[in-house]
Amino acid sequence: MTQKIRGVLSPVITPFTEDLRPHRVRYLRHCRWLIAQGVGLAVFGTNSEANSLAVSEKRELLDFLLDAGLPASRMMPGTGSCSLTDAVELTRHALARGCESVLMLPPFYYKGVADDGLFAYFSEVIQQVASPTLKIYLYHIPPVSQVPINHRLIERLLKAYPGNIAGVKDSSGDWNHTRALLKDFQPHGFDVFAGSETFLLQTMQHGGAGCISATANVNPAAILDLFLNWEAPDAGARQAELDQVRAEFSKFSMIPALKSAIAVFQKEPAWARVRPPLVPLSGDQARTLEGALRRMHFELGAFEEAA
């Protein structure tokens, strides 16, 4: 059995070409830079615009990264889908390419579904993939999915599939919920990742596994620094600095804001492209974000240095 993933992971944003296809060169540069900064790759996460990508596109992008030499052990691909067959296909493919850890949304189109239905979904994925090495990290993001993964469901899944249900990314935005997960499940080997670096210090103080955060796309080294040094005397000050950066991005729609910042600091305007139905930041919004970041002396190293 391989060691479970811990630390900081970035839900890697997806650059697009003029005709809105994934831009492989920029994507690879960004992923290599993130690995060089010490963070893992949660490709096909929310901030990857994953639900605007076809399964075929995700398979091709994953193959492209792995064929380019990026380590499967540092990846946690998002394989959840409203379609059971799509989830099984992408999970099988990730596992076949060496990615044993996957991040899995619940099927989110139908709202108010019973725990029995959600249990059946995850159960079918596990049984159809049929691999003892598969590690599923449940993705709890009710502000977006509106389909929560509650304690009762986690308990049931852990009892039925203790070898496959590995942990959770808690993007509830509610520290009390994250703390309850840490108290009830982390001591039993079910890893809890905060869904934002805003809760990273508290998560580590309660025995958590790290965080999977949108802003790890642009502020990876500083977030990793807190993960590595959460017991340091100045950990609270480090957390406050991370919170300031996060707050500036949170004033806008997160995905367009991240892409806008990369477009500016990499001097590549094409990075600002998003796939519909998302829209890029307006010119005024982009300038406001840039101004705030520059006043904070925010820096973003050149991706080419890690290519």
C-alpha atoms as a PDB file:
ATOM      1  CA  MET A   1       0.000   0.000   0.000  1.00  0.00           C
ATOM      2  CA  THR A   2       1.308   3.446  -0.878  1.00  0.00           C
ATOM      3  CA  GLN A   3       1.425   6.246   1.671  1.00  0.00           C
ATOM      4  CA  LYS A   4      -1.673   8.427   1.833  1.00  0.00           C
ATOM      5  CA  ILE A   5      -1.477  11.969   0.530  1.00  0.00           C
ATOM      6  CA  ARG A   6      -1.037  14.753   3.062  1.00  0.00           C
ATOM      7  CA  GLY A   7      -0.160  18.426   2.821  1.00  0.00           C
ATOM      8  CA  VAL A   8      -1.368  21.116   0.451  1.00  0.00           C
ATOM      9  CA  LEU A   9      -3.016  20.374  -2.886  1.00  0.00           C
ATOM     10  CA  SER A  10      -4.090  22.758  -5.607  1.00  0.00           C
ATOM     11  CA  PRO A  11      -7.304  22.234  -7.590  1.00  0.00           C
ATOM     12  CA  VAL A  12      -5.407  23.141 -10.731  1.00  0.00           C
ATOM     13  CA  ILE A  13      -7.045  25.779 -12.899  1.00  0.00           C
ATOM     14  CA  THR A  14      -7.412  24.886 -16.568  1.00  0.00           C
ATOM     15  CA  PRO A  15      -6.137  27.330 -19.213  1.00  0.00           C
ATOM     16  CA  PHE A  16      -7.992  27.455 -22.512  1.00  0.00           C
ATOM     17  CA  THR A  17      -7.094  28.215 -26.090  1.00  0.00           C
ATOM     18  CA  GLU A  18      -8.921  30.797 -28.180  1.00  0.00           C
ATOM     19  CA  ASP A  19     -11.394  28.112 -29.295  1.00  0.00           C
ATOM     20  CA  LEU A  20     -11.891  27.081 -25.628  1.00  0.00           C
ATOM     21  CA  ARG A  21      -9.962  23.840 -25.712  1.00  0.00           C
ATOM     22  CA  PRO A  22      -7.584  23.025 -22.827  1.00  0.00           C
ATOM     23  CA  HIS A  23      -4.219  24.669 -23.490  1.00  0.00           C
ATOM     24  CA  ARG A  24      -1.790  21.861 -22.798  1.00  0.00           C
ATOM     25  CA  VAL A  25       1.434  23.874 -22.788  1.00  0.00           C
ATOM     26  CA  ARG A  26       0.209  26.389 -20.210  1.00  0.00           C
ATOM     27  CA  TYR A  27      -1.412  23.606 -18.202  1.00  0.00           C
ATOM     28  CA  LEU A  28       1.809  21.607 -17.988  1.00  0.00           C
ATOM     29  CA  ARG A  29       3.870  24.678 -17.079  1.00  0.00           C
ATOM     30  CA  HIS A  30       1.493  25.522 -14.283  1.00  0.00           C
ATOM     31  CA  CYS A  31       1.408  21.962 -12.936  1.00  0.00           C
ATOM     32  CA  ARG A  32       5.185  21.684 -13.012  1.00  0.00           C
ATOM     33  CA  TRP A  33       5.489  24.988 -11.179  1.00  0.00           C
ATOM     34  CA  LEU A  34       3.036  23.826  -8.501  1.00  0.00           C
ATOM     35  CA  ILE A  35       4.950  20.581  -7.979  1.00  0.00           C
ATOM     36  CA  ALA A  36       8.177  22.595  -7.741  1.00  0.00           C
ATOM     37  CA  GLN A  37       6.539  24.735  -5.035  1.00  0.00           C
ATOM     38  CA  GLY A  38       5.893  21.553  -3.039  1.00  0.00           C
ATOM     39  CA  VAL A  39       2.135  21.171  -3.427  1.00  0.00           C
ATOM     40  CA  GLY A  40       0.121  18.326  -4.900  1.00  0.00           C
ATOM     41  CA  LEU A  41      -2.273  18.436  -7.835  1.00  0.00           C
ATOM     42  CA  ALA A  42      -6.007  18.028  -7.301  1.00  0.00           C
ATOM     43  CA  VAL A  43      -6.655  18.158 -11.033  1.00  0.00           C
ATOM     44  CA  PHE A  44     -10.310  18.349 -12.109  1.00  0.00           C
ATOM     45  CA  GLY A  45     -11.488  20.097  -8.974  1.00  0.00           C
ATOM     46  CA  THR A  46     -14.063  22.845  -8.709  1.00  0.00           C
ATOM     47  CA  ASN A  47     -11.584  25.557  -9.635  1.00  0.00           C
ATOM     48  CA  SER A  48     -10.406  23.464 -12.579  1.00  0.00           C
ATOM     49  CA  GLU A  49     -13.820  24.076 -14.194  1.00  0.00           C
ATOM     50  CA  ALA A  50     -14.015  20.293 -14.082  1.00  0.00           C
ATOM     51  CA  ASN A  51     -17.744  20.146 -14.566  1.00  0.00           C
ATOM     52  CA  SER A  52     -17.311  22.095 -17.791  1.00  0.00           C
ATOM     53  CA  LEU A  53     -14.895  19.441 -19.092  1.00  0.00           C
ATOM     54  CA  ALA A  54     -15.864  16.206 -20.824  1.00  0.00           C
ATOM     55  CA  VAL A  55     -14.642  12.867 -19.492  1.00  0.00           C
ATOM     56  CA  SER A  56     -12.574  12.457 -22.655  1.00  0.00           C
ATOM     57  CA  GLU A  57     -10.859  15.799 -22.016  1.00  0.00           C
ATOM     58  CA  LYS A  58     -10.051  14.836 -18.433  1.00  0.00           C
ATOM     59  CA  ARG A  59      -8.625  11.488 -19.507  1.00  0.00           C
ATOM     60  CA  GLU A  60      -6.475  13.159 -22.165  1.00  0.00           C
ATOM     61  CA  LEU A  61      -5.208  15.846 -19.771  1.00  0.00           C
ATOM     62  CA  LEU A  62      -4.365  13.304 -17.087  1.00  0.00           C
ATOM     63  CA  ASP A  63      -2.509  11.162 -19.620  1.00  0.00           C
ATOM     64  CA  PHE A  64      -0.681  14.241 -20.888  1.00  0.00           C
ATOM     65  CA  LEU A  65       0.564  15.185 -17.412  1.00  0.00           C
ATOM     66  CA  LEU A  66       1.637  11.665 -16.531  1.00  0.00           C
ATOM     67  CA  ASP A  67       3.310  11.081 -19.893  1.00  0.00           C
ATOM     68  CA  ALA A  68       5.223  14.326 -19.297  1.00  0.00           C
ATOM     69  CA  GLY A  69       6.671  12.797 -16.145  1.00  0.00           C
ATOM     70  CA  LEU A  70       4.575  14.372 -13.391  1.00  0.00           C
ATOM     71  CA  PRO A  71       4.242  11.989 -10.436  1.00  0.00           C
ATOM     72  CA  ALA A  72       0.962  10.137  -9.996  1.00  0.00           C
ATOM     73  CA  SER A  73       1.711   9.913  -6.267  1.00  0.00           C
ATOM     74  CA  ARG A  74       1.281  13.699  -6.002  1.00  0.00           C
ATOM     75  CA  MET A  75      -2.129  13.746  -7.712  1.00  0.00           C
ATOM     76  CA  MET A  76      -5.699  13.472  -6.472  1.00  0.00           C
ATOM     77  CA  PRO A  77      -7.850  13.718  -9.628  1.00  0.00           C
ATOM     78  CA  GLY A  78     -11.479  14.706  -9.256  1.00  0.00           C
ATOM     79  CA  THR A  79     -13.528  11.817 -10.619  1.00  0.00           C
ATOM     80  CA  GLY A  80     -17.002  12.465  -9.219  1.00  0.00           C
ATOM     81  CA  SER A  81     -19.846  13.070 -11.647  1.00  0.00           C
ATOM     82  CA  CYS A  82     -23.613  13.214 -11.850  1.00  0.00           C
ATOM     83  CA  SER A  83     -23.282  10.186 -14.110  1.00  0.00           C
ATOM     84  CA  LEU A  84     -22.326   6.949 -12.371  1.00  0.00           C
ATOM     85  CA  THR A  85     -20.824   5.552 -15.572  1.00  0.00           C
ATOM     86  CA  ASP A  86     -18.666   8.664 -16.049  1.00  0.00           C
ATOM     87  CA  ALA A  87     -17.453   8.457 -12.451  1.00  0.00           C
ATOM     88  CA  VAL A  88     -16.552   4.797 -12.841  1.00  0.00           C
ATOM     89  CA  GLU A  89     -14.795   5.388 -16.166  1.00  0.00           C
ATOM     90  CA  LEU A  90     -12.659   8.264 -14.925  1.00  0.00           C
ATOM     91  CA  THR A  91     -11.867   6.559 -11.613  1.00  0.00           C
ATOM     92  CA  ARG A  92     -10.789   3.400 -13.406  1.00  0.00           C
ATOM     93  CA  HIS A  93      -8.614   5.398 -15.761  1.00  0.00           C
ATOM     94  CA  ALA A  94      -6.964   7.365 -12.963  1.00  0.00           C
ATOM     95  CA  LEU A  95      -6.242   4.168 -11.065  1.00  0.00           C
ATOM     96  CA  ALA A  96      -4.888   2.436 -14.161  1.00  0.00           C
ATOM     97  CA  ARG A  97      -2.461   5.343 -14.635  1.00  0.00           C
ATOM     98  CA  GLY A  98      -1.202   5.072 -11.058  1.00  0.00           C
ATOM     99  CA  CYS A  99      -3.372   7.681  -9.330  1.00  0.00           C
ATOM    100  CA  GLU A 100      -4.694   5.720  -6.370  1.00  0.00           C
ATOM    101  CA  SER A 101      -6.205   8.756  -4.614  1.00  0.00           C
ATOM    102  CA  VAL A 102      -9.264  10.413  -6.146  1.00  0.00           C
ATOM    103  CA  LEU A 103     -11.480  13.266  -4.993  1.00  0.00           C
ATOM    104  CA  MET A 104     -15.138  12.449  -5.499  1.00  0.00           C
ATOM    105  CA  LEU A 105     -18.097  14.788  -5.597  1.00  0.00           C
ATOM    106  CA  PRO A 106     -21.501  13.312  -4.854  1.00  0.00           C
ATOM    107  CA  PRO A 107     -23.954  13.165  -7.781  1.00  0.00           C
ATOM    108  CA  PHE A 108     -25.237  16.706  -7.442  1.00  0.00           C
ATOM    109  CA  TYR A 109     -27.939  17.326 -10.027  1.00  0.00           C
ATOM    110  CA  TYR A 110     -30.822  15.891  -8.017  1.00  0.00           C
ATOM    111  CA  LYS A 111     -31.318  17.723  -4.723  1.00  0.00           C
ATOM    112  CA  GLY A 112     -32.681  16.323  -1.502  1.00  0.00           C
ATOM    113  CA  VAL A 113     -31.714  12.750  -2.307  1.00  0.00           C
ATOM    114  CA  ALA A 114     -31.685  10.231   0.528  1.00  0.00           C
ATOM    115  CA  ASP A 115     -28.532   8.882   2.126  1.00  0.00           C
ATOM    116  CA  ASP A 116     -29.469   5.506   0.644  1.00  0.00           C
ATOM    117  CA  GLY A 117     -29.085   6.947  -2.845  1.00  0.00           C
ATOM    118  CA  LEU A 118     -25.727   8.537  -2.122  1.00  0.00           C
ATOM    119  CA  PHE A 119     -24.480   5.379  -0.446  1.00  0.00           C
ATOM    120  CA  ALA A 120     -25.543   3.358  -3.482  1.00  0.00           C
ATOM    121  CA  TYR A 121     -23.641   5.737  -5.782  1.00  0.00           C
ATOM    122  CA  PHE A 122     -20.338   5.498  -3.920  1.00  0.00           C
ATOM    123  CA  SER A 123     -20.866   1.783  -3.360  1.00  0.00           C
ATOM    124  CA  GLU A 124     -21.360   1.157  -7.076  1.00  0.00           C
ATOM    125  CA  VAL A 125     -18.197   3.087  -7.950  1.00  0.00           C
ATOM    126  CA  ILE A 126     -16.178   1.076  -5.454  1.00  0.00           C
ATOM    127  CA  GLN A 127     -17.627  -2.257  -6.515  1.00  0.00           C
ATOM    128  CA  GLN A 128     -17.334  -1.597 -10.241  1.00  0.00           C
ATOM    129  CA  VAL A 129     -13.764  -0.289 -10.003  1.00  0.00           C
ATOM    130  CA  ALA A 130     -13.004  -3.228  -7.696  1.00  0.00           C
ATOM    131  CA  SER A 131      -9.532  -2.296  -6.521  1.00  0.00           C
ATOM    132  CA  PRO A 132      -8.152  -2.612  -2.985  1.00  0.00           C
ATOM    133  CA  THR A 133      -5.713   0.235  -3.702  1.00  0.00           C
ATOM    134  CA  LEU A 134      -8.396   2.808  -4.555  1.00  0.00           C
ATOM    135  CA  LYS A 135      -8.571   5.666  -2.042  1.00  0.00           C
ATOM    136  CA  ILE A 136     -11.655   7.865  -2.283  1.00  0.00           C
ATOM    137  CA  TYR A 137     -11.664  11.302  -0.679  1.00  0.00           C
ATOM    138  CA  LEU A 138     -15.250  12.475  -0.354  1.00  0.00           C
ATOM    139  CA  TYR A 139     -15.855  16.035  -1.531  1.00  0.00           C
ATOM    140  CA  HIS A 140     -18.250  17.873   0.775  1.00  0.00           C
ATOM    141  CA  ILE A 141     -19.120  21.221  -0.821  1.00  0.00           C
ATOM    142  CA  PRO A 142     -22.783  21.921  -0.045  1.00  0.00           C
ATOM    143  CA  PRO A 143     -22.597  25.657  -0.890  1.00  0.00           C
ATOM    144  CA  VAL A 144     -22.082  24.585  -4.523  1.00  0.00           C
ATOM    145  CA  SER A 145     -23.397  21.040  -4.863  1.00  0.00           C
ATOM    146  CA  GLN A 146     -26.321  21.463  -2.444  1.00  0.00           C
ATOM    147  CA  VAL A 147     -25.883  17.734  -1.775  1.00  0.00           C
ATOM    148  CA  PRO A 148     -24.134  17.302   1.579  1.00  0.00           C
ATOM    149  CA  ILE A 149     -22.121  14.283   2.662  1.00  0.00           C
ATOM    150  CA  ASN A 150     -23.218  13.976   6.276  1.00  0.00           C
ATOM    151  CA  HIS A 151     -21.750  12.137   9.245  1.00  0.00           C
ATOM    152  CA  ARG A 152     -24.191   9.244   8.988  1.00  0.00           C
ATOM    153  CA  LEU A 153     -23.231   8.616   5.370  1.00  0.00           C
ATOM    154  CA  ILE A 154     -19.513   8.758   6.169  1.00  0.00           C
ATOM    155  CA  GLU A 155     -19.970   6.288   9.034  1.00  0.00           C
ATOM    156  CA  ARG A 156     -21.892   3.930   6.778  1.00  0.00           C
ATOM    157  CA  LEU A 157     -19.329   4.113   3.970  1.00  0.00           C
ATOM    158  CA  LEU A 158     -16.427   3.587   6.371  1.00  0.00           C
ATOM    159  CA  LYS A 159     -18.091   0.538   7.858  1.00  0.00           C
ATOM    160  CA  ALA A 160     -18.761  -0.971   4.432  1.00  0.00           C
ATOM    161  CA  TYR A 161     -15.537   0.041   2.661  1.00  0.00           C
ATOM    162  CA  PRO A 162     -12.839   0.870   5.254  1.00  0.00           C
ATOM    163  CA  GLY A 163     -10.044   0.222   2.773  1.00  0.00           C
ATOM    164  CA  ASN A 164     -11.401   2.490   0.058  1.00  0.00           C
ATOM    165  CA  ILE A 165     -12.924   5.471   1.893  1.00  0.00           C
ATOM    166  CA  ALA A 166      -9.803   7.435   2.788  1.00  0.00           C
ATOM    167  CA  GLY A 167     -10.892  10.929   3.790  1.00  0.00           C
ATOM    168  CA  VAL A 168     -12.799  14.099   3.001  1.00  0.00           C
ATOM    169  CA  LYS A 169     -12.292  17.578   1.641  1.00  0.00           C
ATOM    170  CA  ASP A 170     -14.547  19.803   3.719  1.00  0.00           C
ATOM    171  CA  SER A 171     -15.532  22.861   1.703  1.00  0.00           C
ATOM    172  CA  SER A 172     -18.541  23.652   3.861  1.00  0.00           C
ATOM    173  CA  GLY A 173     -16.927  26.918   4.958  1.00  0.00           C
ATOM    174  CA  ASP A 174     -18.056  26.049   8.493  1.00  0.00           C
ATOM    175  CA  TRP A 175     -15.224  25.504  10.977  1.00  0.00           C
ATOM    176  CA  ASN A 176     -17.541  23.809  13.463  1.00  0.00           C
ATOM    177  CA  HIS A 177     -18.353  21.201  10.825  1.00  0.00           C
ATOM    178  CA  THR A 178     -14.687  20.654  10.001  1.00  0.00           C
ATOM    179  CA  ARG A 179     -13.857  20.352  13.698  1.00  0.00           C
ATOM    180  CA  ALA A 180     -16.583  17.729  14.156  1.00  0.00           C
ATOM    181  CA  LEU A 181     -15.166  15.694  11.260  1.00  0.00           C
ATOM    182  CA  LEU A 182     -11.700  15.922  12.784  1.00  0.00           C
ATOM    183  CA  LYS A 183     -12.969  14.830  16.181  1.00  0.00           C
ATOM    184  CA  ASP A 184     -15.122  11.957  14.944  1.00  0.00           C
ATOM    185  CA  PHE A 185     -13.104  10.524  12.066  1.00  0.00           C
ATOM    186  CA  GLN A 186      -9.477  11.715  11.852  1.00  0.00           C
ATOM    187  CA  PRO A 187      -8.336   9.593  14.851  1.00  0.00           C
ATOM    188  CA  HIS A 188      -9.544   6.485  13.009  1.00  0.00           C
ATOM    189  CA  GLY A 189      -7.418   7.087   9.903  1.00  0.00           C
ATOM    190  CA  PHE A 190     -10.026   8.993   7.881  1.00  0.00           C
ATOM    191  CA  ASP A 191      -8.112  12.079   6.763  1.00  0.00           C
ATOM    192  CA  VAL A 192      -9.719  15.505   6.885  1.00  0.00           C
ATOM    193  CA  PHE A 193      -8.556  18.215   4.483  1.00  0.00           C
ATOM    194  CA  ALA A 194      -9.770  21.776   4.925  1.00  0.00           C
ATOM    195  CA  GLY A 195     -11.299  23.178   1.760  1.00  0.00           C
ATOM    196  CA  SER A 196      -9.519  26.497   2.227  1.00  0.00           C
ATOM    197  CA  GLU A 197      -6.258  27.637   3.807  1.00  0.00           C
ATOM    198  CA  THR A 198      -8.418  29.907   5.973  1.00  0.00           C
ATOM    199  CA  PHE A 199      -8.876  26.892   8.257  1.00  0.00           C
ATOM    200  CA  LEU A 200      -5.431  25.358   7.760  1.00  0.00           C
ATOM    201  CA  LEU A 201      -3.895  26.248  11.123  1.00  0.00           C
ATOM    202  CA  GLN A 202      -6.966  25.115  13.054  1.00  0.00           C
ATOM    203  CA  THR A 203      -7.161  21.936  10.997  1.00  0.00           C
ATOM    204  CA  MET A 204      -3.550  21.050  11.752  1.00  0.00           C
ATOM    205  CA  GLN A 205      -3.980  21.873  15.441  1.00  0.00           C
ATOM    206  CA  HIS A 206      -6.777  19.283  15.523  1.00  0.00           C
ATOM    207  CA  GLY A 207      -4.786  16.574  13.741  1.00  0.00           C
ATOM    208  CA  GLY A 208      -5.890  17.167  10.149  1.00  0.00           C
ATOM    209  CA  ALA A 209      -4.177  16.134   6.929  1.00  0.00           C
ATOM    210  CA  GLY A 210      -3.791  19.561   5.264  1.00  0.00           C
ATOM    211  CA  CYS A 211      -5.853  21.580   2.823  1.00  0.00           C
ATOM    212  CA  ILE A 212      -7.010  21.520  -0.785  1.00  0.00           C
ATOM    213  CA  SER A 213      -7.401  25.157  -1.691  1.00  0.00           C
ATOM    214  CA  ALA A 214      -8.199  27.277  -4.735  1.00  0.00           C
ATOM    215  CA  THR A 215      -5.579  29.883  -3.872  1.00  0.00           C
ATOM    216  CA  ALA A 216      -2.878  27.222  -3.763  1.00  0.00           C
ATOM    217  CA  ASN A 217      -2.857  27.930  -7.511  1.00  0.00           C
ATOM    218  CA  VAL A 218      -1.284  31.328  -6.857  1.00  0.00           C
ATOM    219  CA  ASN A 219       0.063  31.268  -3.279  1.00  0.00           C
ATOM    220  CA  PRO A 220       1.345  27.695  -2.909  1.00  0.00           C
ATOM    221  CA  ALA A 221       4.663  28.230  -1.128  1.00  0.00           C
ATOM    222  CA  ALA A 222       3.198  30.375   1.642  1.00  0.00           C
ATOM    223  CA  ILE A 223       0.344  27.925   2.258  1.00  0.00           C
ATOM    224  CA  LEU A 224       2.764  24.993   2.338  1.00  0.00           C
ATOM    225  CA  ASP A 225       4.994  26.941   4.727  1.00  0.00           C
ATOM    226  CA  LEU A 226       2.171  27.129   7.258  1.00  0.00           C
ATOM    227  CA  PHE A 227       1.401  23.430   6.806  1.00  0.00           C
ATOM    228  CA  LEU A 228       5.029  22.575   7.555  1.00  0.00           C
ATOM    229  CA  ASN A 229       5.392  25.056  10.417  1.00  0.00           C
ATOM    230  CA  TRP A 230       1.983  25.084  12.067  1.00  0.00           C
ATOM    231  CA  GLU A 231       3.579  24.583  15.490  1.00  0.00           C
ATOM    232  CA  ALA A 232       5.928  27.575  15.092  1.00  0.00           C
ATOM    233  CA  PRO A 233       5.444  30.562  17.441  1.00  0.00           C
ATOM    234  CA  ASP A 234       4.503  32.800  14.503  1.00  0.00           C
ATOM    235  CA  ALA A 235       1.993  30.365  12.965  1.00  0.00           C
ATOM    236  CA  GLY A 236      -0.887  32.700  13.789  1.00  0.00           C
ATOM    237  CA  ALA A 237       0.803  35.555  11.934  1.00  0.00           C
ATOM    238  CA  ARG A 238       1.425  33.303   8.943  1.00  0.00           C
ATOM    239  CA  GLN A 239      -2.244  32.331   8.950  1.00  0.00           C
ATOM    240  CA  ALA A 240      -3.261  36.000   9.038  1.00  0.00           C
ATOM    241  CA  GLU A 241      -1.100  36.727   5.985  1.00  0.00           C
ATOM    242  CA  LEU A 242      -2.706  33.855   4.081  1.00  0.00           C
ATOM    243  CA  ASP A 243      -6.135  35.148   5.066  1.00  0.00           C
ATOM    244  CA  GLN A 244      -5.346  38.582   3.623  1.00  0.00           C
ATOM    245  CA  VAL A 245      -4.463  37.137   0.228  1.00  0.00           C
ATOM    246  CA  ARG A 246      -7.483  34.848   0.250  1.00  0.00           C
ATOM    247  CA  ALA A 247      -9.770  37.745   1.149  1.00  0.00           C
ATOM    248  CA  GLU A 248      -8.752  39.732  -1.932  1.00  0.00           C
ATOM    249  CA  PHE A 249      -9.560  36.843  -4.271  1.00  0.00           C
ATOM    250  CA  SER A 250     -12.807  36.125  -2.441  1.00  0.00           C
ATOM    251  CA  LYS A 251     -14.144  39.566  -3.331  1.00  0.00           C
ATOM    252  CA  PHE A 252     -14.685  38.223  -6.860  1.00  0.00           C
ATOM    253  CA  SER A 253     -15.820  35.012  -8.502  1.00  0.00           C
ATOM    254  CA  MET A 254     -12.901  32.770  -7.539  1.00  0.00           C
ATOM    255  CA  ILE A 255     -12.089  31.036 -10.834  1.00  0.00           C
ATOM    256  CA  PRO A 256     -12.024  34.185 -13.013  1.00  0.00           C
ATOM    257  CA  ALA A 257     -10.086  35.977 -10.261  1.00  0.00           C
ATOM    258  CA  LEU A 258      -7.386  33.310 -10.104  1.00  0.00           C
ATOM    259  CA  LYS A 259      -7.062  33.306 -13.864  1.00  0.00           C
ATOM    260  CA  SER A 260      -6.973  37.092 -14.004  1.00  0.00           C
ATOM    261  CA  ALA A 261      -4.126  37.230 -11.487  1.00  0.00           C
ATOM    262  CA  ILE A 262      -2.107  34.642 -13.393  1.00  0.00           C
ATOM    263  CA  ALA A 263      -2.753  36.489 -16.662  1.00  0.00           C
ATOM    264  CA  VAL A 264      -1.367  39.689 -15.135  1.00  0.00           C
ATOM    265  CA  PHE A 265       1.591  38.306 -13.211  1.00  0.00           C
ATOM    266  CA  GLN A 266       2.634  35.898 -15.976  1.00  0.00           C
ATOM    267  CA  LYS A 267       2.066  38.590 -18.616  1.00  0.00           C
ATOM    268  CA  GLU A 268      -0.095  36.156 -20.601  1.00  0.00           C
ATOM    269  CA  PRO A 269      -3.571  37.673 -21.131  1.00  0.00           C
ATOM    270  CA  ALA A 270      -4.888  34.394 -22.551  1.00  0.00           C
ATOM    271  CA  TRP A 271      -4.813  32.906 -19.053  1.00  0.00           C
ATOM    272  CA  ALA A 272      -7.919  34.966 -18.248  1.00  0.00           C
ATOM    273  CA  ARG A 273     -10.145  32.821 -20.487  1.00  0.00           C
ATOM    274  CA  VAL A 274     -12.880  30.778 -18.839  1.00  0.00           C
ATOM    275  CA  ARG A 275     -15.391  28.383 -20.339  1.00  0.00           C
ATOM    276  CA  PRO A 276     -19.024  29.437 -20.451  1.00  0.00           C
ATOM    277  CA  PRO A 277     -21.144  29.763 -18.425  1.00  0.00           C
ATOM    278  CA  LEU A 278     -18.379  31.518 -16.451  1.00  0.00           C
ATOM    279  CA  VAL A 279     -17.263  34.950 -17.594  1.00  0.00           C
ATOM    280  CA  PRO A 280     -13.908  36.658 -17.001  1.00  0.00           C
ATOM    281  CA  LEU A 281     -13.490  39.561 -14.630  1.00  0.00           C
ATOM    282  CA  SER A 282     -14.284  42.931 -16.131  1.00  0.00           C
ATOM    283  CA  GLY A 283     -11.418  45.289 -16.805  1.00  0.00           C
ATOM    284  CA  ASP A 284     -12.240  47.307 -13.695  1.00  0.00           C
ATOM    285  CA  GLN A 285     -12.439  44.199 -11.561  1.00  0.00           C
ATOM    286  CA  ALA A 286      -9.125  42.883 -12.877  1.00  0.00           C
ATOM    287  CA  ARG A 287      -7.413  46.200 -12.176  1.00  0.00           C
ATOM    288  CA  THR A 288      -8.894  46.355  -8.679  1.00  0.00           C
ATOM    289  CA  LEU A 289      -7.617  42.868  -7.868  1.00  0.00           C
ATOM    290  CA  GLU A 290      -4.192  43.590  -9.339  1.00  0.00           C
ATOM    291  CA  GLY A 291      -3.900  46.814  -7.363  1.00  0.00           C
ATOM    292  CA  ALA A 292      -4.806  45.112  -4.096  1.00  0.00           C
ATOM    293  CA  LEU A 293      -2.301  42.314  -4.686  1.00  0.00           C
ATOM    294  CA  ARG A 294       0.509  44.684  -5.614  1.00  0.00           C
ATOM    295  CA  ARG A 295      -0.111  46.776  -2.498  1.00  0.00           C
ATOM    296  CA  MET A 296       0.382  43.585  -0.516  1.00  0.00           C
ATOM    297  CA  HIS A 297       3.650  42.952  -2.406  1.00  0.00           C
ATOM    298  CA  PHE A 298       2.162  39.739  -3.736  1.00  0.00           C
ATOM    299  CA  GLU A 299       4.510  37.802  -6.025  1.00  0.00           C
ATOM    300  CA  LEU A 300       4.003  34.953  -8.450  1.00  0.00           C
ATOM    301  CA  GLY A 301       7.114  33.318  -9.815  1.00  0.00           C
ATOM    302  CA  ALA A 302       7.450  32.644 -13.538  1.00  0.00           C
ATOM    303  CA  PHE A 303       6.001  29.268 -14.493  1.00  0.00           C
ATOM    304  CA  GLU A 304       8.679  28.864 -17.151  1.00  0.00           C
ATOM    305  CA  GLU A 305      11.320  28.440 -14.445  1.00  0.00           C
ATOM    306  CA  ALA A 306       9.883  25.053 -13.560  1.00  0.00           C
ATOM    307  CA  ALA A 307       9.230  23.892 -17.142  1.00  0.00           C
END
